[in-house]
Protein backbone atom coordinates (compact mmCIF):
# COMPACT_ATOMS: atom_id res chain seq x y z
CA MET A 1 -7.40 -29.40 40.84
CA THR A 2 -3.61 -28.92 40.75
CA SER A 3 -1.97 -26.01 39.06
CA THR A 4 -0.80 -28.14 36.41
CA ASP A 5 -4.43 -29.41 35.72
CA SER A 6 -5.59 -25.87 35.41
CA ALA A 7 -2.95 -25.00 32.95
CA ALA A 8 -3.79 -27.89 30.88
CA THR A 9 -7.48 -27.14 30.88
CA ASP A 10 -6.64 -23.47 29.97
CA ASN A 11 -4.45 -24.85 26.97
CA ALA A 12 -7.26 -27.08 25.87
CA GLN A 13 -9.73 -24.27 25.90
CA LYS A 14 -7.60 -21.94 23.85
CA ALA A 15 -8.66 -21.32 20.08
CA PRO A 16 -6.16 -22.72 17.57
CA ALA A 17 -3.94 -20.26 16.14
CA LYS A 18 -5.32 -18.48 13.20
CA ASP A 19 -3.78 -19.31 9.84
CA PRO A 20 -1.80 -16.30 8.67
CA TRP A 21 -2.83 -16.92 5.16
CA ASP A 22 -6.60 -16.89 6.13
CA LEU A 23 -7.29 -13.39 4.81
CA PRO A 24 -10.70 -11.62 4.43
CA ASP A 25 -12.63 -11.09 1.21
CA VAL A 26 -12.03 -7.55 -0.12
CA SER A 27 -13.55 -7.89 -3.44
CA GLY A 28 -16.58 -5.53 -2.63
CA LEU A 29 -14.10 -2.74 -0.97
CA VAL A 30 -13.78 0.47 -3.14
CA VAL A 31 -10.28 1.53 -3.38
CA GLY A 32 -9.25 5.17 -4.02
CA VAL A 33 -5.75 6.15 -5.17
CA LEU A 34 -4.53 9.60 -4.28
CA GLY A 35 -1.87 10.42 -6.81
CA GLY A 36 -3.52 8.19 -9.27
CA THR A 37 -2.52 10.09 -12.24
CA GLY A 38 1.53 9.28 -11.49
CA PRO A 39 3.30 6.34 -12.56
CA GLN A 40 2.98 4.17 -9.49
CA GLY A 41 -0.58 5.30 -8.65
CA LYS A 42 -1.84 4.69 -12.17
CA GLY A 43 -0.23 1.38 -12.16
CA LEU A 44 -1.71 0.25 -8.87
CA ALA A 45 -5.28 1.43 -10.06
CA TYR A 46 -5.01 -0.51 -13.36
CA ARG A 47 -3.68 -3.79 -11.75
CA LEU A 48 -6.33 -3.63 -9.00
CA ALA A 49 -9.22 -2.75 -11.44
CA ARG A 50 -8.02 -5.48 -13.82
CA ALA A 51 -8.43 -7.74 -11.01
CA GLY A 52 -12.10 -6.70 -10.65
CA GLN A 53 -11.61 -4.09 -7.94
CA LYS A 54 -13.77 -0.98 -8.02
CA VAL A 55 -11.33 1.75 -8.26
CA ILE A 56 -11.22 5.72 -8.05
CA ILE A 57 -8.13 7.65 -8.91
CA GLY A 58 -7.62 11.10 -7.45
CA SER A 59 -5.53 14.14 -8.42
CA ARG A 60 -5.77 17.80 -7.25
CA ALA A 61 -7.46 18.40 -10.68
CA ALA A 62 -10.45 16.19 -11.05
CA GLU A 63 -10.29 16.44 -14.94
CA ARG A 64 -6.75 15.27 -14.91
CA ALA A 65 -7.99 12.32 -12.93
CA ARG A 66 -11.03 11.64 -15.19
CA ALA A 67 -8.72 11.66 -18.20
CA ALA A 68 -6.41 9.22 -16.80
CA ALA A 69 -9.39 6.88 -15.58
CA GLU A 70 -10.65 6.91 -19.12
CA GLU A 71 -7.45 5.95 -20.43
CA LEU A 72 -7.07 2.88 -17.89
CA GLY A 73 -10.52 1.57 -18.47
CA HIS A 74 -11.85 -1.31 -16.48
CA GLY A 75 -14.49 0.81 -14.92
CA VAL A 76 -11.73 3.12 -13.06
CA GLU A 77 -13.35 6.43 -12.06
CA GLY A 78 -11.72 9.89 -11.65
CA ALA A 79 -12.21 12.62 -9.12
CA ASP A 80 -10.63 15.12 -7.15
CA ASN A 81 -8.42 13.79 -4.06
CA ALA A 82 -11.32 14.89 -1.57
CA GLU A 83 -14.25 12.86 -3.41
CA THR A 84 -11.78 10.12 -3.99
CA ALA A 85 -11.16 9.85 -0.23
CA ARG A 86 -14.77 10.34 0.85
CA ARG A 87 -16.10 7.61 -1.73
CA SER A 88 -13.35 4.91 -0.76
CA ASP A 89 -13.24 2.26 1.85
CA ILE A 90 -9.32 1.88 1.31
CA VAL A 91 -7.26 4.79 0.13
CA ILE A 92 -3.76 4.19 -1.26
CA VAL A 93 -1.53 7.19 -1.04
CA ALA A 94 0.82 7.48 -3.85
CA VAL A 95 1.64 11.01 -4.14
CA PRO A 96 5.21 12.51 -4.54
CA TRP A 97 7.19 12.77 -1.24
CA ASP A 98 7.33 16.57 -1.53
CA GLY A 99 3.66 16.90 -1.31
CA HIS A 100 2.77 14.08 0.98
CA GLY A 101 2.48 15.84 4.18
CA LYS A 102 0.51 18.84 2.70
CA THR A 103 -1.88 16.62 0.91
CA LEU A 104 -2.63 14.35 3.94
CA GLU A 105 -3.11 17.49 6.17
CA SER A 106 -5.55 18.80 3.60
CA LEU A 107 -7.60 15.72 3.76
CA ARG A 108 -7.63 14.72 7.35
CA GLU A 109 -11.54 15.06 7.75
CA GLU A 110 -12.21 13.03 4.39
CA LEU A 111 -9.76 10.53 5.45
CA ALA A 112 -11.38 10.12 8.83
CA GLY A 113 -12.36 6.39 9.57
CA LYS A 114 -10.70 5.14 6.46
CA LEU A 115 -8.11 2.41 5.96
CA VAL A 116 -5.01 4.38 4.46
CA VAL A 117 -2.23 2.65 2.82
CA ASP A 118 0.82 4.61 2.26
CA CYS A 119 3.24 3.47 -0.45
CA VAL A 120 5.57 6.72 -0.36
CA ASN A 121 9.06 6.33 -0.52
CA PRO A 122 10.99 9.56 0.77
CA LEU A 123 14.08 9.62 -1.58
CA GLY A 124 16.57 12.10 -2.71
CA PHE A 125 18.79 11.98 -5.81
CA ASP A 126 22.30 13.08 -6.68
CA LYS A 127 24.94 12.24 -9.10
CA LYS A 128 25.64 9.01 -7.13
CA GLY A 129 21.87 7.78 -7.58
CA ALA A 130 18.99 7.51 -5.20
CA TYR A 131 19.31 7.79 -1.33
CA ALA A 132 16.85 7.33 1.38
CA LEU A 133 15.70 10.27 3.36
CA LYS A 134 14.44 10.24 6.99
CA PRO A 135 11.54 12.15 7.83
CA GLU A 136 11.29 13.86 11.19
CA GLU A 137 8.56 11.22 12.18
CA GLY A 138 10.63 8.37 11.06
CA SER A 139 9.15 7.47 7.86
CA ALA A 140 6.42 8.55 5.31
CA ALA A 141 4.06 6.03 6.96
CA GLU A 142 4.60 7.35 10.37
CA GLN A 143 4.23 10.86 9.13
CA ALA A 144 0.71 9.94 7.64
CA ALA A 145 -0.08 8.44 11.07
CA ALA A 146 0.77 11.54 12.93
CA LEU A 147 -1.23 13.87 10.37
CA LEU A 148 -4.32 11.33 10.40
CA PRO A 149 -5.12 10.58 13.83
CA ASP A 150 -8.63 9.46 12.95
CA SER A 151 -7.44 7.23 10.21
CA ARG A 152 -6.17 3.41 10.34
CA VAL A 153 -2.63 3.81 8.71
CA THR A 154 -0.91 1.04 7.06
CA ALA A 155 1.92 0.98 4.61
CA ALA A 156 2.49 -1.33 1.66
CA PHE A 157 3.20 -1.38 -2.27
CA HIS A 158 6.48 0.24 -1.91
CA HIS A 159 8.82 -1.99 -3.98
CA LEU A 160 6.61 -2.29 -7.20
CA SER A 161 7.75 -1.29 -10.57
CA ALA A 162 5.42 1.24 -12.15
CA VAL A 163 6.53 0.00 -15.78
CA LEU A 164 5.52 -3.35 -14.87
CA LEU A 165 2.21 -2.53 -13.18
CA GLN A 166 1.30 -0.28 -16.34
CA ASP A 167 2.24 -2.92 -18.98
CA PRO A 168 -0.88 -4.52 -20.27
CA GLU A 169 1.11 -7.32 -21.74
CA ILE A 170 2.08 -8.70 -18.45
CA ASP A 171 -0.36 -10.97 -16.72
CA GLU A 172 1.26 -11.72 -13.46
CA ILE A 173 3.62 -9.53 -11.42
CA ASP A 174 6.23 -11.87 -9.44
CA THR A 175 6.72 -10.13 -6.28
CA ASP A 176 5.75 -10.09 -2.55
CA VAL A 177 4.28 -6.83 -0.86
CA MET A 178 5.55 -6.02 2.51
CA VAL A 179 2.62 -4.84 4.73
CA LEU A 180 3.21 -2.75 8.03
CA GLY A 181 0.57 -1.66 10.58
CA GLU A 182 -0.65 -1.61 14.22
CA VAL A 183 -3.87 -3.56 13.82
CA ARG A 184 -3.79 -7.06 12.44
CA ALA A 185 -7.28 -7.02 10.80
CA ASP A 186 -6.08 -3.82 8.97
CA VAL A 187 -2.87 -5.40 7.81
CA GLU A 188 -4.91 -8.58 6.56
CA ILE A 189 -7.18 -6.41 4.68
CA VAL A 190 -4.19 -4.74 2.78
CA GLN A 191 -2.44 -8.18 2.40
CA ALA A 192 -5.68 -9.73 0.96
CA LEU A 193 -5.75 -6.46 -1.49
CA ALA A 194 -2.21 -7.09 -2.72
CA GLY A 195 -3.19 -10.88 -3.24
CA ARG A 196 -5.86 -9.82 -5.76
CA ILE A 197 -3.14 -8.99 -8.28
CA PRO A 198 -1.83 -12.19 -9.92
CA GLY A 199 1.63 -13.08 -8.90
CA MET A 200 1.53 -11.02 -5.63
CA ARG A 201 1.28 -11.91 -1.90
CA GLY A 202 0.91 -9.56 0.88
CA ILE A 203 3.34 -10.39 3.72
CA PHE A 204 3.11 -9.02 7.24
CA ALA A 205 6.09 -6.96 7.97
CA GLY A 206 6.03 -5.56 11.32
CA ARG A 207 4.53 -2.29 12.86
CA LEU A 208 4.78 1.24 11.41
CA ARG A 209 7.99 1.73 13.37
CA ASN A 210 9.64 -0.50 10.99
CA ALA A 211 8.45 1.45 7.93
CA HIS A 212 11.61 3.34 7.40
CA GLN A 213 13.97 0.54 6.24
CA VAL A 214 11.09 -0.74 3.93
CA GLU A 215 10.85 2.64 2.45
CA SER A 216 14.32 3.16 2.14
CA LEU A 217 14.98 -0.30 0.36
CA VAL A 218 13.51 1.21 -2.81
CA ALA A 219 16.92 3.24 -3.27
CA ASN A 220 18.69 -0.06 -3.43
CA LEU A 221 16.21 -1.50 -5.88
CA ILE A 222 16.74 1.62 -8.11
CA SER A 223 20.67 0.66 -7.99
CA VAL A 224 19.75 -2.97 -8.79
CA ASN A 225 17.62 -1.85 -11.77
CA ARG A 226 20.12 0.37 -13.46
CA ARG A 227 23.10 -2.10 -13.10
CA TYR A 228 21.00 -5.03 -14.26
CA LYS A 229 18.50 -3.20 -16.72
CA ALA A 230 15.67 -4.88 -14.87
CA HIS A 231 12.53 -4.03 -12.85
CA ALA A 232 13.29 -5.99 -9.62
CA GLY A 233 10.97 -6.66 -6.96
CA LEU A 234 11.14 -8.76 -3.79
CA ARG A 235 10.34 -12.28 -2.55
CA VAL A 236 10.32 -13.61 1.04
CA THR A 237 11.24 -17.18 1.40
CA ASP A 238 10.02 -19.96 3.68
CA VAL A 239 6.83 -18.27 4.38
């Protein structure tokens, strides 16, 4: 057999390329939201629970989490952060940036083996408006990966309006969710989770080293929202 024939045989034996929109069924997974009593966390919890996902929201104070869960309805439960992490398959990190590192460091054991989705945007504010901060590790997501060596860290849900997420009169949220991570299977789980919310798509947007510019873009969206009195999101074209 010639080298050309061998190459042709190898090509013929290769499996067809996987459809990037062939995503897993995540409907049975339990989602925990750390920082679930804040605007972003509460909004995500509401949307996912409304779509049929089992959701637990976490807070430093369990009573506060339970009160917020009761307000949200749709079967949402509330617990302290540690219990939320232990009971969840996927854990969304939606805590304020100034408490990000300390919170994750304290939950390293509970988050071991979990799929962690960081949606924190390191931002500063002054009289000129919002501006991006750059953590020593490069991004909030990379800080999470450094602090949680036994977790599977991804990044997503950065560009969503908390106002739209929490509005019960809105049935669909017209936006894409940029998802970053090191392992394709983990990224696809998060993409599928985003797709559970009507109007949303999860789009692969690179590895965690590219998270800084995704997190930073929120500063631009805040400027857009202020100028146009809007709740801007993102759409990726031609995919």
